[in-house]
C-alpha cells in the first residue's frame, strides 16, 4: 500500500454513537408498544363489561315481559319471576347476577325496585333500575313491564 492513502471508513466512536442511538430508539419503541398493549387490554375489558351489562338488560327485558309476576326478595337477594308454568330466579351477589341459564359478571352499585311508579324494598315489582360500578353514570339499566289489570283484584 501506498503511504498517505486514506481509506474511507467509520471510526469506532461514530459506530458506538449509532449503536447507542439505535438502542434508545428501540427502547422507546418497546415502551410505546407496551403502553398500546395495556390500552388495548383495558379497552377489551371495558368492552366485555359493557357486553355483560347489555346481555343482562336483554335477559331482564325478555323475562320481565314473559313472566306474569315479578317479586324482589331482599333477604335472599333474589329477583323471582314466575308464571303458572315456569319460574326464573336472578340471584344478586357482590360481583355477579346469575340465573340457571346465565351468569353476568357485573358489580351493582345501586339497585332500585318499583311497583306502580313507587320505590319498594320487597314484594311485587314492575320495574328495576340498576347502576353499575366501574361505569359512567349514563350506563344504567332500567327495565319495566306493563302490569296485568288483575293485580288489583
C-alpha atoms as a PDB file:
ATOM      1  CA  UNK A   1       0.000   0.000   0.000  1.00  0.00           C
ATOM      2  CA  UNK A   2       0.995   3.490  -0.607  1.00  0.00           C
ATOM      3  CA  UNK A   3       1.535   5.566   2.424  1.00  0.00           C
ATOM      4  CA  UNK A   4      -0.680   8.571   2.829  1.00  0.00           C
ATOM      5  CA  UNK A   5      -3.745   6.986   1.209  1.00  0.00           C
ATOM      6  CA  UNK A   6      -6.796   7.239   3.393  1.00  0.00           C
ATOM      7  CA  UNK A   7      -9.440   4.539   3.420  1.00  0.00           C
ATOM      8  CA  UNK A   8     -12.942   5.911   3.848  1.00  0.00           C
ATOM      9  CA  UNK A   9     -14.496   4.234   6.911  1.00  0.00           C
ATOM     10  CA  UNK A  10     -16.349   4.974  10.126  1.00  0.00           C
ATOM     11  CA  UNK A  11     -14.449   5.376  13.324  1.00  0.00           C
ATOM     12  CA  UNK A  12     -15.181   3.285  16.376  1.00  0.00           C
ATOM     13  CA  UNK A  13     -16.666   6.347  18.086  1.00  0.00           C
ATOM     14  CA  UNK A  14     -19.084   7.009  15.226  1.00  0.00           C
ATOM     15  CA  UNK A  15     -20.267   3.386  15.215  1.00  0.00           C
ATOM     16  CA  UNK A  16     -20.717   3.481  19.007  1.00  0.00           C
ATOM     17  CA  UNK A  17     -22.872   6.622  18.736  1.00  0.00           C
ATOM     18  CA  UNK A  18     -25.085   4.990  16.078  1.00  0.00           C
ATOM     19  CA  UNK A  19     -25.497   1.870  18.223  1.00  0.00           C
ATOM     20  CA  UNK A  20     -26.436   3.922  21.303  1.00  0.00           C
ATOM     21  CA  UNK A  21     -28.973   5.986  19.334  1.00  0.00           C
ATOM     22  CA  UNK A  22     -30.439   2.806  17.814  1.00  0.00           C
ATOM     23  CA  UNK A  23     -30.755   1.244  21.277  1.00  0.00           C
ATOM     24  CA  UNK A  24     -32.596   4.347  22.575  1.00  0.00           C
ATOM     25  CA  UNK A  25     -34.994   4.316  19.615  1.00  0.00           C
ATOM     26  CA  UNK A  26     -35.642   0.578  20.050  1.00  0.00           C
ATOM     27  CA  UNK A  27     -36.240   1.063  23.794  1.00  0.00           C
ATOM     28  CA  UNK A  28     -38.729   3.847  23.106  1.00  0.00           C
ATOM     29  CA  UNK A  29     -40.487   1.688  20.518  1.00  0.00           C
ATOM     30  CA  UNK A  30     -40.875  -1.164  23.020  1.00  0.00           C
ATOM     31  CA  UNK A  31     -42.150   1.265  25.674  1.00  0.00           C
ATOM     32  CA  UNK A  32     -44.761   2.635  23.294  1.00  0.00           C
ATOM     33  CA  UNK A  33     -45.731  -0.892  22.270  1.00  0.00           C
ATOM     34  CA  UNK A  34     -46.198  -1.840  25.938  1.00  0.00           C
ATOM     35  CA  UNK A  35     -48.432   1.198  26.514  1.00  0.00           C
ATOM     36  CA  UNK A  36     -50.510   0.360  23.431  1.00  0.00           C
ATOM     37  CA  UNK A  37     -50.905  -3.258  24.593  1.00  0.00           C
ATOM     38  CA  UNK A  38     -52.090  -2.148  28.054  1.00  0.00           C
ATOM     39  CA  UNK A  39     -54.564   0.276  26.492  1.00  0.00           C
ATOM     40  CA  UNK A  40     -55.889  -2.453  24.197  1.00  0.00           C
ATOM     41  CA  UNK A  41     -56.363  -4.785  27.179  1.00  0.00           C
ATOM     42  CA  UNK A  42     -58.251  -2.053  29.048  1.00  0.00           C
ATOM     43  CA  UNK A  43     -60.429  -1.366  26.026  1.00  0.00           C
ATOM     44  CA  UNK A  44     -61.127  -5.100  25.694  1.00  0.00           C
ATOM     45  CA  UNK A  45     -62.068  -5.405  29.372  1.00  0.00           C
ATOM     46  CA  UNK A  46     -64.371  -2.369  29.148  1.00  0.00           C
ATOM     47  CA  UNK A  47     -65.993  -3.787  26.022  1.00  0.00           C
ATOM     48  CA  UNK A  48     -66.550  -7.137  27.744  1.00  0.00           C
ATOM     49  CA  UNK A  49     -68.063  -5.393  30.791  1.00  0.00           C
ATOM     50  CA  UNK A  50     -70.434  -3.366  28.606  1.00  0.00           C
ATOM     51  CA  UNK A  51     -71.352  -6.556  26.765  1.00  0.00           C
ATOM     52  CA  UNK A  52     -72.236  -8.201  30.092  1.00  0.00           C
ATOM     53  CA  UNK A  53     -74.421  -5.213  31.029  1.00  0.00           C
ATOM     54  CA  UNK A  54     -76.208  -5.303  27.670  1.00  0.00           C
ATOM     55  CA  UNK A  55     -76.739  -9.056  27.939  1.00  0.00           C
ATOM     56  CA  UNK A  56     -78.244  -8.592  31.396  1.00  0.00           C
ATOM     57  CA  UNK A  57     -80.530  -5.838  30.119  1.00  0.00           C
ATOM     58  CA  UNK A  58     -81.766  -8.028  27.259  1.00  0.00           C
ATOM     59  CA  UNK A  59     -82.363 -11.009  29.568  1.00  0.00           C
ATOM     60  CA  UNK A  60     -84.224  -8.884  32.123  1.00  0.00           C
ATOM     61  CA  UNK A  61     -86.360  -7.254  29.428  1.00  0.00           C
ATOM     62  CA  UNK A  62     -87.345 -10.604  27.948  1.00  0.00           C
ATOM     63  CA  UNK A  63     -88.071 -12.156  31.342  1.00  0.00           C
ATOM     64  CA  UNK A  64     -89.961  -9.127  32.690  1.00  0.00           C
ATOM     65  CA  UNK A  65     -92.315  -9.407  29.730  1.00  0.00           C
ATOM     66  CA  UNK A  66     -92.531 -13.215  29.594  1.00  0.00           C
ATOM     67  CA  UNK A  67     -93.423 -13.812  33.248  1.00  0.00           C
ATOM     68  CA  UNK A  68     -96.651 -12.629  34.846  1.00  0.00           C
ATOM     69  CA  UNK A  69     -95.267 -11.999  38.327  1.00  0.00           C
ATOM     70  CA  UNK A  70     -92.002 -10.371  39.409  1.00  0.00           C
ATOM     71  CA  UNK A  71     -91.016 -10.185  43.080  1.00  0.00           C
ATOM     72  CA  UNK A  72     -87.942  -8.909  44.907  1.00  0.00           C
ATOM     73  CA  UNK A  73     -86.759 -10.869  47.953  1.00  0.00           C
ATOM     74  CA  UNK A  74     -84.185  -8.704  49.784  1.00  0.00           C
ATOM     75  CA  UNK A  75     -83.390 -11.386  52.371  1.00  0.00           C
ATOM     76  CA  UNK A  76     -82.188 -13.836  49.716  1.00  0.00           C
ATOM     77  CA  UNK A  77     -81.109 -11.083  47.261  1.00  0.00           C
ATOM     78  CA  UNK A  78     -83.291 -12.706  44.614  1.00  0.00           C
ATOM     79  CA  UNK A  79     -85.446 -11.375  41.825  1.00  0.00           C
ATOM     80  CA  UNK A  80     -88.091 -14.048  41.313  1.00  0.00           C
ATOM     81  CA  UNK A  81     -90.078 -14.117  38.089  1.00  0.00           C
ATOM     82  CA  UNK A  82     -92.881 -16.591  37.721  1.00  0.00           C
ATOM     83  CA  UNK A  83     -95.829 -17.613  35.620  1.00  0.00           C
ATOM     84  CA  UNK A  84     -98.244 -20.528  36.044  1.00  0.00           C
ATOM     85  CA  UNK A  85     -95.894 -22.837  34.114  1.00  0.00           C
ATOM     86  CA  UNK A  86     -92.384 -21.534  34.738  1.00  0.00           C
ATOM     87  CA  UNK A  87     -90.085 -19.603  37.079  1.00  0.00           C
ATOM     88  CA  UNK A  88     -86.753 -17.808  36.770  1.00  0.00           C
ATOM     89  CA  UNK A  89     -84.643 -16.564  39.675  1.00  0.00           C
ATOM     90  CA  UNK A  90     -81.978 -13.878  39.405  1.00  0.00           C
ATOM     91  CA  UNK A  91     -79.506 -14.150  42.274  1.00  0.00           C
ATOM     92  CA  UNK A  92     -77.634 -10.917  43.064  1.00  0.00           C
ATOM     93  CA  UNK A  93     -74.165 -11.362  44.586  1.00  0.00           C
ATOM     94  CA  UNK A  94     -71.309  -8.907  45.155  1.00  0.00           C
ATOM     95  CA  UNK A  95     -69.694  -9.469  41.767  1.00  0.00           C
ATOM     96  CA  UNK A  96     -72.354 -11.035  39.550  1.00  0.00           C
ATOM     97  CA  UNK A  97     -76.002 -11.661  38.800  1.00  0.00           C
ATOM     98  CA  UNK A  98     -76.831 -15.221  37.886  1.00  0.00           C
ATOM     99  CA  UNK A  99     -79.720 -17.370  36.742  1.00  0.00           C
ATOM    100  CA  UNK A 100     -79.864 -21.043  35.930  1.00  0.00           C
ATOM    101  CA  UNK A 101     -79.110 -20.052  32.324  1.00  0.00           C
ATOM    102  CA  UNK A 102     -76.532 -17.229  32.551  1.00  0.00           C
ATOM    103  CA  UNK A 103     -74.094 -15.512  34.853  1.00  0.00           C
ATOM    104  CA  UNK A 104     -73.469 -11.829  34.265  1.00  0.00           C
ATOM    105  CA  UNK A 105     -70.153 -10.651  35.707  1.00  0.00           C
ATOM    106  CA  UNK A 106     -71.215  -7.170  36.791  1.00  0.00           C
ATOM    107  CA  UNK A 107     -70.890  -5.272  40.042  1.00  0.00           C
ATOM    108  CA  UNK A 108     -74.007  -3.440  41.149  1.00  0.00           C
ATOM    109  CA  UNK A 109     -73.514  -0.069  42.819  1.00  0.00           C
ATOM    110  CA  UNK A 110     -77.217   0.581  43.339  1.00  0.00           C
ATOM    111  CA  UNK A 111     -80.480  -1.229  42.632  1.00  0.00           C
ATOM    112  CA  UNK A 112     -83.924   0.325  42.947  1.00  0.00           C
ATOM    113  CA  UNK A 113     -87.181  -1.572  42.573  1.00  0.00           C
ATOM    114  CA  UNK A 114     -90.522  -0.021  41.663  1.00  0.00           C
ATOM    115  CA  UNK A 115     -94.173  -1.012  41.770  1.00  0.00           C
ATOM    116  CA  UNK A 116     -96.696   1.235  40.045  1.00  0.00           C
ATOM    117  CA  UNK A 117     -94.222   4.107  39.972  1.00  0.00           C
ATOM    118  CA  UNK A 118     -93.255   3.963  43.667  1.00  0.00           C
ATOM    119  CA  UNK A 119     -89.988   2.700  45.053  1.00  0.00           C
ATOM    120  CA  UNK A 120     -90.390  -0.531  47.028  1.00  0.00           C
ATOM    121  CA  UNK A 121     -87.998  -2.610  49.124  1.00  0.00           C
ATOM    122  CA  UNK A 122     -89.604  -6.031  48.692  1.00  0.00           C
ATOM    123  CA  UNK A 123     -92.530  -7.894  47.201  1.00  0.00           C
ATOM    124  CA  UNK A 124     -94.182  -7.305  43.838  1.00  0.00           C
ATOM    125  CA  UNK A 125     -92.317  -5.075  41.410  1.00  0.00           C
ATOM    126  CA  UNK A 126     -92.900  -3.918  37.854  1.00  0.00           C
ATOM    127  CA  UNK A 127     -89.607  -2.093  37.192  1.00  0.00           C
ATOM    128  CA  UNK A 128     -85.963  -2.176  38.227  1.00  0.00           C
ATOM    129  CA  UNK A 129     -83.140   0.336  37.861  1.00  0.00           C
ATOM    130  CA  UNK A 130     -79.575  -0.941  38.126  1.00  0.00           C
ATOM    131  CA  UNK A 131     -76.497   1.274  38.372  1.00  0.00           C
ATOM    132  CA  UNK A 132     -73.156  -0.449  37.943  1.00  0.00           C
ATOM    133  CA  UNK A 133     -69.679   0.007  39.398  1.00  0.00           C
ATOM    134  CA  UNK A 134     -66.870   0.985  37.040  1.00  0.00           C
ATOM    135  CA  UNK A 135     -69.155   2.746  34.568  1.00  0.00           C
ATOM    136  CA  UNK A 136     -70.207   6.257  33.840  1.00  0.00           C
ATOM    137  CA  UNK A 137     -73.478   7.449  35.345  1.00  0.00           C
ATOM    138  CA  UNK A 138     -75.103   7.202  31.916  1.00  0.00           C
ATOM    139  CA  UNK A 139     -74.604   3.432  31.874  1.00  0.00           C
ATOM    140  CA  UNK A 140     -77.525   2.123  33.799  1.00  0.00           C
ATOM    141  CA  UNK A 141     -80.289  -0.348  33.113  1.00  0.00           C
ATOM    142  CA  UNK A 142     -83.969   0.394  33.565  1.00  0.00           C
ATOM    143  CA  UNK A 143     -86.397  -2.402  32.780  1.00  0.00           C
ATOM    144  CA  UNK A 144     -90.152  -2.284  33.262  1.00  0.00           C
ATOM    145  CA  UNK A 145     -93.274  -4.193  32.345  1.00  0.00           C
ATOM    146  CA  UNK A 146     -96.953  -3.459  31.890  1.00  0.00           C
ATOM    147  CA  UNK A 147     -98.982  -4.742  34.790  1.00  0.00           C
ATOM    148  CA  UNK A 148    -101.852  -7.115  34.309  1.00  0.00           C
ATOM    149  CA  UNK A 149    -105.046  -5.347  35.457  1.00  0.00           C
ATOM    150  CA  UNK A 150    -105.955  -8.373  37.573  1.00  0.00           C
ATOM    151  CA  UNK A 151    -103.294  -7.467  40.166  1.00  0.00           C
ATOM    152  CA  UNK A 152    -105.833  -5.123  41.737  1.00  0.00           C
ATOM    153  CA  UNK A 153    -108.424  -7.868  42.310  1.00  0.00           C
END
